[in-house]
């Protein structure tokens, strides 16, 4: 069965969403991320995906106490996967110490793939490959890397999973990149997490049949009331 990871994006300690990763196009959905995480866990989510947007852009882990509070609040019910500013083995260790079950490395992984192998000794690592038209973006999606997604999929043999986000679709509620995700799923034996564009239960159903995709991340659709965690989990279990 494909799993569902509800997403919590943190900025200044609040629950927000950015439009296509644009820090100037932010919607704030709440100021109590711990309560949001608890509600997701109570609805049946077994994992919660947390992104520190401040750290993704600046490298400063200002939201780490919030991440730790989320992990503590859902401990025993749900696991936390978190990314944003995870650039060193020390960052991975600090998050593991804070109760995080898996870290996401993006920019740092693309710059130095050996970091993933080193960090994997400390905590399971998801490699975040966020792309625009196939080019992996870095530094909070503010820059292109010159690296193609298809190539990067072969760089990280110790990755637990790949989190693949089509930036053009993120926060747009326009549907996921089914074809691109299927290509990625066929190109690697490492499980793929689909992120970006999920807008409806029909999108959830479509992702259920994509080879290699093991998890769906959704955020804005939940906050906008398009469907609930319970409804999405029911759709994925069909």
Foldseek 3Di string as FASTA:
>chain_A
DFAEAEEAEDDPQFGWFAQLLDPVRIDTLGNQVLVVLLVLLVLPHQEYEYEHLVCLQVLDPPCLVVLLSNLVSCPPRHAYEYEHNCQALVSLQSSVVSRHQEYEAEQNCVVPVVRQVVNCVRHAYEYEQEDEPQFGAGNSNPGTDRDGPLVVLPRHPRHQEYEYHHSNQAPVLQAFPLVVQLVSLVSHPHAYEYEGNNAALVSLLSNLPRHRHRYYYDYPNCSVCRDHSNSSRVSSVD
